[in-house]
Amino acid sequence: MEIGGVANITPEKAVEILKKNGMQVTIEQAKQILEFLYKLAKITLSIYAENSP
């Protein structure tokens, strides 16, 4: 998955990381989780940039 030209974690890697931490998800679920996290990060950075002096 690539957002804004920057290579990011793959859904397969997310599944692997989550499995190591006791959470079982499908590739499709991992894609949805990653999409949400990328959107959340984008919003957070946008808010931070707006409030920076």
C-alpha atoms as a PDB file:
ATOM      1  CA  MET A   1       0.000   0.000   0.000  1.00  0.00           C
ATOM      2  CA  GLU A   2       1.331   3.436  -0.891  1.00  0.00           C
ATOM      3  CA  ILE A   3       0.098   6.765   0.368  1.00  0.00           C
ATOM      4  CA  GLY A   4       1.512  10.046  -0.895  1.00  0.00           C
ATOM      5  CA  GLY A   5       4.416   8.379  -2.692  1.00  0.00           C
ATOM      6  CA  VAL A   6       5.785   6.774   0.462  1.00  0.00           C
ATOM      7  CA  ALA A   7       5.892   2.991   0.735  1.00  0.00           C
ATOM      8  CA  ASN A   8       4.135   1.831   3.874  1.00  0.00           C
ATOM      9  CA  ILE A   9       3.471  -1.390   5.707  1.00  0.00           C
ATOM     10  CA  THR A  10       1.781  -4.085   3.643  1.00  0.00           C
ATOM     11  CA  PRO A  11      -1.436  -5.778   4.746  1.00  0.00           C
ATOM     12  CA  GLU A  12       0.494  -9.061   4.903  1.00  0.00           C
ATOM     13  CA  LYS A  13       3.039  -7.521   7.288  1.00  0.00           C
ATOM     14  CA  ALA A  14       0.213  -6.066   9.378  1.00  0.00           C
ATOM     15  CA  VAL A  15      -1.374  -9.526   9.654  1.00  0.00           C
ATOM     16  CA  GLU A  16       1.989 -10.928  10.774  1.00  0.00           C
ATOM     17  CA  ILE A  17       2.544  -8.193  13.376  1.00  0.00           C
ATOM     18  CA  LEU A  18      -0.980  -8.494  14.748  1.00  0.00           C
ATOM     19  CA  LYS A  19      -0.729 -12.303  14.899  1.00  0.00           C
ATOM     20  CA  LYS A  20       2.475 -12.026  16.976  1.00  0.00           C
ATOM     21  CA  ASN A  21       0.471  -9.888  19.399  1.00  0.00           C
ATOM     22  CA  GLY A  22      -2.416 -12.338  19.675  1.00  0.00           C
ATOM     23  CA  MET A  23      -4.824 -10.800  17.176  1.00  0.00           C
ATOM     24  CA  GLN A  24      -6.015 -12.748  14.126  1.00  0.00           C
ATOM     25  CA  VAL A  25      -7.213 -10.719  11.143  1.00  0.00           C
ATOM     26  CA  THR A  26      -7.668 -11.426   7.462  1.00  0.00           C
ATOM     27  CA  ILE A  27      -5.777  -9.607   4.715  1.00  0.00           C
ATOM     28  CA  GLU A  28      -8.954  -7.645   3.910  1.00  0.00           C
ATOM     29  CA  GLN A  29      -9.376  -6.634   7.547  1.00  0.00           C
ATOM     30  CA  ALA A  30      -5.717  -5.598   7.682  1.00  0.00           C
ATOM     31  CA  LYS A  31      -6.252  -3.418   4.586  1.00  0.00           C
ATOM     32  CA  GLN A  32      -9.180  -1.695   6.290  1.00  0.00           C
ATOM     33  CA  ILE A  33      -7.215  -1.206   9.516  1.00  0.00           C
ATOM     34  CA  LEU A  34      -4.284   0.293   7.604  1.00  0.00           C
ATOM     35  CA  GLU A  35      -6.532   2.603   5.584  1.00  0.00           C
ATOM     36  CA  PHE A  36      -8.069   3.872   8.817  1.00  0.00           C
ATOM     37  CA  LEU A  37      -4.686   4.398  10.459  1.00  0.00           C
ATOM     38  CA  TYR A  38      -3.302   6.252   7.421  1.00  0.00           C
ATOM     39  CA  LYS A  39      -6.370   8.518   7.368  1.00  0.00           C
ATOM     40  CA  LEU A  40      -6.039   9.142  11.103  1.00  0.00           C
ATOM     41  CA  ALA A  41      -2.347   9.984  10.704  1.00  0.00           C
ATOM     42  CA  LYS A  42      -3.117  12.366   7.829  1.00  0.00           C
ATOM     43  CA  ILE A  43      -5.781  14.157   9.877  1.00  0.00           C
ATOM     44  CA  THR A  44      -3.473  14.367  12.887  1.00  0.00           C
ATOM     45  CA  LEU A  45      -0.645  15.843  10.829  1.00  0.00           C
ATOM     46  CA  SER A  46      -3.030  18.306   9.208  1.00  0.00           C
ATOM     47  CA  ILE A  47      -4.285  19.512  12.584  1.00  0.00           C
ATOM     48  CA  TYR A  48      -0.743  19.741  13.901  1.00  0.00           C
ATOM     49  CA  ALA A  49       0.359  21.784  10.875  1.00  0.00           C
ATOM     50  CA  GLU A  50      -2.584  24.174  11.278  1.00  0.00           C
ATOM     51  CA  ASN A  51      -1.734  24.781  14.924  1.00  0.00           C
ATOM     52  CA  SER A  52       2.022  25.178  14.509  1.00  0.00           C
ATOM     53  CA  PRO A  53       3.423  28.688  14.898  1.00  0.00           C
END
